């Protein structure tokens, strides 16, 4: 196994073009586990830790988007971007241990594209875009198009993830995860939900309950119609139990899980339905509270 250690982004792109099978590594929290257990033996490893820009983020006052470098650790998201990216910050809290949160980042989750990756549901719910680059140029990949199969993504062989672009939250976001314990656990299943009052839409993300991370699109369409037709966005009234129940059932129906050592397919569907109902309740209560606060201030 050869070890590549580019000193700049341009060197990294050139090395990836010369060695398309080279596996990039920064935190190493996913790749090194596979190598240590001999599940993977790449010809080349590419260490990206000398490229400082990958660990930086930009939150401009004149933009509604956060540009998150591929190697920004989960701990930095938790500490610095909780207001702008609440869903991703909540997901970051559930990642393994403090040591892993200090090393692992969203870029690694996207690169391995495991359906159990903790960041995926939050990224789907927020409607993120992946900035991919090669010596041929840069392109933006919508998160909905990024996951192409089990542990497969839309990157070309010569491309690297440079950053993730995520719109600042314009409404409440939530994240829920089921695991066998609170730390150092792979998700049995996970669910992310984001309210977007500006467009009067709701987006979701489901992890570890299908071959790839997925959205519950039928559940979203149902809820978007129910909220609009019922005047919920304007009135801020409590969502009726029948609407919440139907949303949860449709979310569970979006799953295509398997039985494995962490849980059965039936359990995963049931758990996703429970998480969908709960995260909807949490986000809507926050939305209603924010509305009442604004009305009182006026």
Protein backbone atom coordinates (compact mmCIF):
# COMPACT_ATOMS: atom_id res chain seq x y z
CA UNK A 1 0.00 0.00 0.00
CA UNK A 2 1.45 3.36 -1.07
CA UNK A 3 0.85 6.48 1.02
CA UNK A 4 0.24 9.79 -0.77
CA UNK A 5 0.52 13.03 1.21
CA UNK A 6 -0.29 16.09 -0.93
CA UNK A 7 0.60 19.48 0.54
CA UNK A 8 -2.09 21.44 -1.32
CA UNK A 9 -5.50 20.94 -2.85
CA UNK A 10 -4.03 21.19 -6.33
CA UNK A 11 -1.55 18.42 -5.50
CA UNK A 12 -4.40 16.28 -4.15
CA UNK A 13 -6.40 16.66 -7.36
CA UNK A 14 -3.36 15.82 -9.47
CA UNK A 15 -2.65 12.73 -7.35
CA UNK A 16 -6.27 11.59 -7.59
CA UNK A 17 -6.18 12.02 -11.37
CA UNK A 18 -3.01 9.90 -11.55
CA UNK A 19 -4.30 7.31 -9.07
CA UNK A 20 -8.12 7.18 -9.40
CA UNK A 21 -8.39 4.25 -6.95
CA UNK A 22 -6.58 6.17 -4.20
CA UNK A 23 -8.71 6.33 -1.05
CA UNK A 24 -8.73 9.75 0.63
CA UNK A 25 -8.30 9.81 4.39
CA UNK A 26 -8.56 12.66 6.89
CA UNK A 27 -10.14 11.58 10.17
CA UNK A 28 -9.81 7.91 9.24
CA UNK A 29 -12.68 6.91 11.50
CA UNK A 30 -14.33 4.84 8.77
CA UNK A 31 -11.50 3.85 6.42
CA UNK A 32 -9.04 2.69 9.09
CA UNK A 33 -11.62 0.40 10.66
CA UNK A 34 -12.09 -1.36 7.32
CA UNK A 35 -8.33 -1.61 6.78
CA UNK A 36 -7.66 -2.86 10.32
CA UNK A 37 -10.23 -5.64 9.88
CA UNK A 38 -8.83 -6.44 6.43
CA UNK A 39 -12.15 -5.59 4.77
CA UNK A 40 -10.38 -3.20 2.44
CA UNK A 41 -6.86 -3.05 1.04
CA UNK A 42 -6.47 -0.06 -1.32
CA UNK A 43 -3.35 0.31 -3.43
CA UNK A 44 -3.03 3.95 -2.40
CA UNK A 45 -4.10 5.96 0.66
CA UNK A 46 -4.23 9.73 0.26
CA UNK A 47 -3.73 11.70 3.49
CA UNK A 48 -5.52 15.06 3.24
CA UNK A 49 -4.57 16.40 6.68
CA UNK A 50 -1.99 18.87 5.34
CA UNK A 51 -4.69 20.73 3.40
CA UNK A 52 -5.91 23.26 5.96
CA UNK A 53 -8.81 24.64 3.94
CA UNK A 54 -10.68 21.34 4.25
CA UNK A 55 -11.04 21.97 7.99
CA UNK A 56 -12.51 25.45 7.56
CA UNK A 57 -16.06 26.71 7.20
CA UNK A 58 -17.60 29.94 5.97
CA UNK A 59 -20.78 31.54 7.28
CA UNK A 60 -21.10 34.83 5.44
CA UNK A 61 -23.55 37.52 6.62
CA UNK A 62 -24.62 38.14 3.02
CA UNK A 63 -25.37 34.51 2.17
CA UNK A 64 -27.94 32.02 3.38
CA UNK A 65 -25.57 29.07 3.02
CA UNK A 66 -22.86 27.51 5.17
CA UNK A 67 -19.85 26.15 3.26
CA UNK A 68 -18.51 23.30 5.36
CA UNK A 69 -15.06 21.98 4.48
CA UNK A 70 -14.98 18.22 3.98
CA UNK A 71 -12.72 17.65 7.02
CA UNK A 72 -14.50 19.93 9.51
CA UNK A 73 -14.91 17.65 12.56
CA UNK A 74 -18.27 16.95 14.14
CA UNK A 75 -17.13 18.63 17.36
CA UNK A 76 -16.66 21.93 15.46
CA UNK A 77 -20.18 21.69 14.04
CA UNK A 78 -21.55 21.14 17.55
CA UNK A 79 -19.61 24.04 19.04
CA UNK A 80 -19.80 26.64 16.28
CA UNK A 81 -22.72 25.94 13.94
CA UNK A 82 -25.57 24.93 16.22
CA UNK A 83 -27.69 27.95 15.26
CA UNK A 84 -27.08 27.70 11.51
CA UNK A 85 -27.17 23.89 11.19
CA UNK A 86 -29.21 22.58 14.15
CA UNK A 87 -30.10 19.25 12.56
CA UNK A 88 -26.49 18.43 11.70
CA UNK A 89 -25.35 19.58 15.16
CA UNK A 90 -27.84 17.20 16.79
CA UNK A 91 -26.66 14.37 14.55
CA UNK A 92 -23.05 15.19 15.43
CA UNK A 93 -23.85 14.70 19.12
CA UNK A 94 -24.76 11.07 18.42
CA UNK A 95 -21.49 10.21 16.66
CA UNK A 96 -19.49 7.65 18.63
CA UNK A 97 -17.18 9.16 21.29
CA UNK A 98 -15.55 12.58 21.84
CA UNK A 99 -12.35 11.26 20.26
CA UNK A 100 -14.19 10.24 17.09
CA UNK A 101 -16.16 13.51 16.98
CA UNK A 102 -12.86 15.39 17.11
CA UNK A 103 -11.54 13.51 14.08
CA UNK A 104 -14.45 12.41 11.92
CA UNK A 105 -16.31 14.75 9.57
CA UNK A 106 -19.13 14.98 7.09
CA UNK A 107 -16.82 14.48 4.12
CA UNK A 108 -15.88 11.03 5.37
CA UNK A 109 -19.52 10.07 5.88
CA UNK A 110 -20.26 11.13 2.31
CA UNK A 111 -17.22 9.39 0.89
CA UNK A 112 -18.01 6.01 2.43
CA UNK A 113 -21.76 6.53 1.77
CA UNK A 114 -22.75 3.96 4.37
CA UNK A 115 -26.53 3.97 4.89
CA UNK A 116 -25.80 4.06 8.64
CA UNK A 117 -23.74 7.28 8.46
CA UNK A 118 -25.02 9.65 11.12
CA UNK A 119 -24.82 12.83 9.03
CA UNK A 120 -26.90 11.61 6.08
CA UNK A 121 -30.47 12.12 7.45
CA UNK A 122 -29.65 15.69 8.52
CA UNK A 123 -28.05 16.51 5.16
CA UNK A 124 -31.07 15.13 3.28
CA UNK A 125 -33.52 17.04 5.46
CA UNK A 126 -31.57 20.27 5.00
CA UNK A 127 -31.25 19.85 1.22
CA UNK A 128 -27.44 20.03 1.11
CA UNK A 129 -25.19 20.09 -1.95
CA UNK A 130 -21.82 18.37 -2.29
CA UNK A 131 -18.96 20.31 -3.87
CA UNK A 132 -16.91 17.78 -5.85
CA UNK A 133 -13.77 18.69 -7.75
CA UNK A 134 -11.22 17.12 -10.07
CA UNK A 135 -8.57 18.45 -12.42
CA UNK A 136 -11.43 18.73 -14.93
CA UNK A 137 -13.33 21.25 -12.82
CA UNK A 138 -15.91 21.65 -10.06
CA UNK A 139 -19.51 20.51 -9.89
CA UNK A 140 -22.27 20.72 -7.31
CA UNK A 141 -24.14 17.47 -6.60
CA UNK A 142 -27.55 17.76 -4.92
CA UNK A 143 -27.69 15.49 -1.90
CA UNK A 144 -30.75 13.72 -3.35
CA UNK A 145 -28.57 12.54 -6.27
CA UNK A 146 -25.44 11.71 -4.27
CA UNK A 147 -26.24 8.23 -2.93
CA UNK A 148 -26.30 5.73 -5.78
CA UNK A 149 -26.19 2.33 -4.03
CA UNK A 150 -24.95 0.46 -0.99
CA UNK A 151 -21.80 2.34 0.01
CA UNK A 152 -21.68 3.96 -3.43
CA UNK A 153 -21.88 7.61 -4.35
CA UNK A 154 -22.00 9.83 -7.43
CA UNK A 155 -18.33 10.84 -7.37
CA UNK A 156 -16.31 10.17 -10.50
CA UNK A 157 -13.10 8.15 -9.95
CA UNK A 158 -10.93 11.27 -10.20
CA UNK A 159 -13.10 13.48 -7.96
CA UNK A 160 -12.64 14.51 -4.33
CA UNK A 161 -15.14 16.12 -1.96
CA UNK A 162 -14.00 19.65 -1.20
CA UNK A 163 -16.96 20.96 0.81
CA UNK A 164 -20.64 20.62 1.60
CA UNK A 165 -23.01 23.55 1.11
CA UNK A 166 -25.96 23.65 3.51
CA UNK A 167 -28.57 26.37 3.74
CA UNK A 168 -28.83 28.05 7.11
CA UNK A 169 -31.87 26.78 8.97
CA UNK A 170 -34.92 28.99 8.48
CA UNK A 171 -36.98 26.84 10.81
CA UNK A 172 -36.68 24.13 13.47
CA UNK A 173 -34.78 20.92 12.72
CA UNK A 174 -34.59 17.65 14.64
CA UNK A 175 -32.69 14.39 14.57
CA UNK A 176 -33.36 11.07 16.27
CA UNK A 177 -31.33 7.86 16.34
CA UNK A 178 -31.98 4.37 17.67
CA UNK A 179 -28.99 2.41 18.93
CA UNK A 180 -28.16 -0.24 21.48
CA UNK A 181 -26.44 2.33 23.71
CA UNK A 182 -25.64 6.06 23.77
CA UNK A 183 -22.02 5.99 22.58
CA UNK A 184 -19.81 4.11 20.11
CA UNK A 185 -22.83 2.61 18.36
CA UNK A 186 -23.82 2.22 14.72
CA UNK A 187 -27.39 3.37 14.16
CA UNK A 188 -30.09 0.73 14.04
CA UNK A 189 -32.01 3.48 12.24
CA UNK A 190 -32.10 7.28 12.28
CA UNK A 191 -34.47 10.04 11.20
CA UNK A 192 -33.97 13.71 10.44
CA UNK A 193 -36.66 16.34 9.87
CA UNK A 194 -36.45 20.00 8.92
CA UNK A 195 -39.19 22.62 8.65
CA UNK A 196 -38.65 25.21 5.93
CA UNK A 197 -41.20 27.97 6.65
CA UNK A 198 -39.82 30.14 3.85
CA UNK A 199 -41.02 27.65 1.25
CA UNK A 200 -43.70 26.09 3.50
CA UNK A 201 -42.20 22.67 3.06
CA UNK A 202 -40.93 19.82 5.21
CA UNK A 203 -37.97 17.60 4.31
CA UNK A 204 -36.92 14.34 5.88
CA UNK A 205 -33.97 11.95 5.92
CA UNK A 206 -33.81 8.30 6.92
CA UNK A 207 -30.64 6.40 7.77
CA UNK A 208 -29.87 2.70 8.18
CA UNK A 209 -33.30 1.57 7.01
CA UNK A 210 -32.71 1.15 3.25
CA UNK A 211 -29.78 0.32 0.94
CA UNK A 212 -28.99 4.05 0.85
CA UNK A 213 -29.96 7.06 2.94
CA UNK A 214 -33.39 8.13 1.66
CA UNK A 215 -36.08 10.74 2.05
CA UNK A 216 -39.66 9.85 2.93
CA UNK A 217 -41.03 11.72 -0.08
CA UNK A 218 -44.62 10.47 0.11
CA UNK A 219 -44.72 11.43 3.77
CA UNK A 220 -43.35 14.87 2.90
CA UNK A 221 -45.90 15.40 0.13
CA UNK A 222 -48.75 14.37 2.42
CA UNK A 223 -47.61 16.62 5.25
CA UNK A 224 -46.89 19.59 2.99
CA UNK A 225 -50.42 19.37 1.59
CA UNK A 226 -52.00 18.86 5.02
CA UNK A 227 -50.18 21.84 6.55
CA UNK A 228 -51.06 24.11 3.64
CA UNK A 229 -54.69 23.06 3.26
CA UNK A 230 -55.27 23.18 7.01
CA UNK A 231 -53.75 26.65 7.38
CA UNK A 232 -51.23 25.35 9.94
CA UNK A 233 -48.32 27.53 8.80
CA UNK A 234 -50.29 30.75 9.38
CA UNK A 235 -52.26 29.74 12.46
CA UNK A 236 -49.52 27.78 14.23
CA UNK A 237 -52.19 25.49 15.62
CA UNK A 238 -51.37 22.03 16.93
CA UNK A 239 -51.05 19.35 14.27
CA UNK A 240 -53.92 16.91 14.63
CA UNK A 241 -53.16 13.34 15.74
CA UNK A 242 -54.58 11.92 12.51
CA UNK A 243 -52.15 13.97 10.42
CA UNK A 244 -49.20 13.00 12.61
CA UNK A 245 -50.21 9.33 12.47
CA UNK A 246 -50.52 9.30 8.68
CA UNK A 247 -47.17 11.07 8.33
CA UNK A 248 -45.54 8.45 10.57
CA UNK A 249 -47.05 5.57 8.61
CA UNK A 250 -45.89 6.98 5.30
CA UNK A 251 -42.40 7.58 6.70
CA UNK A 252 -42.22 3.96 7.84
CA UNK A 253 -43.38 2.91 4.37
CA UNK A 254 -40.42 4.69 2.79
CA UNK A 255 -38.05 2.20 4.43
CA UNK A 256 -36.62 -0.84 2.70
CA UNK A 257 -34.67 -2.40 5.58
CA UNK A 258 -33.02 -5.73 6.20
CA UNK A 259 -32.71 -8.07 9.15
CA UNK A 260 -29.24 -8.01 10.69
CA UNK A 261 -27.51 -8.32 14.06
CA UNK A 262 -28.56 -4.80 15.05
CA UNK A 263 -32.29 -5.17 14.40
CA UNK A 264 -35.00 -6.71 12.28
CA UNK A 265 -36.59 -5.07 9.27
CA UNK A 266 -39.93 -4.91 11.09
CA UNK A 267 -38.35 -3.19 14.08
CA UNK A 268 -36.64 -0.62 11.88
CA UNK A 269 -39.91 0.26 10.12
CA UNK A 270 -41.68 0.59 13.46
CA UNK A 271 -38.89 2.71 14.94
CA UNK A 272 -38.78 5.06 11.94
CA UNK A 273 -42.51 5.65 12.29
CA UNK A 274 -42.09 6.48 15.98
CA UNK A 275 -39.18 8.83 15.28
CA UNK A 276 -41.08 10.54 12.46
CA UNK A 277 -44.03 11.30 14.73
CA UNK A 278 -41.82 12.49 17.58
CA UNK A 279 -39.54 14.71 15.50
CA UNK A 280 -42.59 16.24 13.84
CA UNK A 281 -44.03 17.03 17.27
CA UNK A 282 -40.77 18.51 18.53
CA UNK A 283 -40.15 20.70 15.48
CA UNK A 284 -43.75 21.90 15.28
CA UNK A 285 -43.84 22.85 18.97
CA UNK A 286 -40.65 24.85 18.42
CA UNK A 287 -42.17 26.51 15.37
CA UNK A 288 -45.34 27.41 17.29
CA UNK A 289 -43.28 28.79 20.19
CA UNK A 290 -41.18 30.93 17.87
CA UNK A 291 -44.36 32.26 16.27
CA UNK A 292 -45.90 33.20 19.60
CA UNK A 293 -42.67 34.93 20.65
CA UNK A 294 -42.63 37.01 17.46
CA UNK A 295 -46.27 37.94 17.84
CA UNK A 296 -45.70 39.01 21.43
CA UNK A 297 -42.71 41.13 20.46
CA UNK A 298 -44.76 42.86 17.77
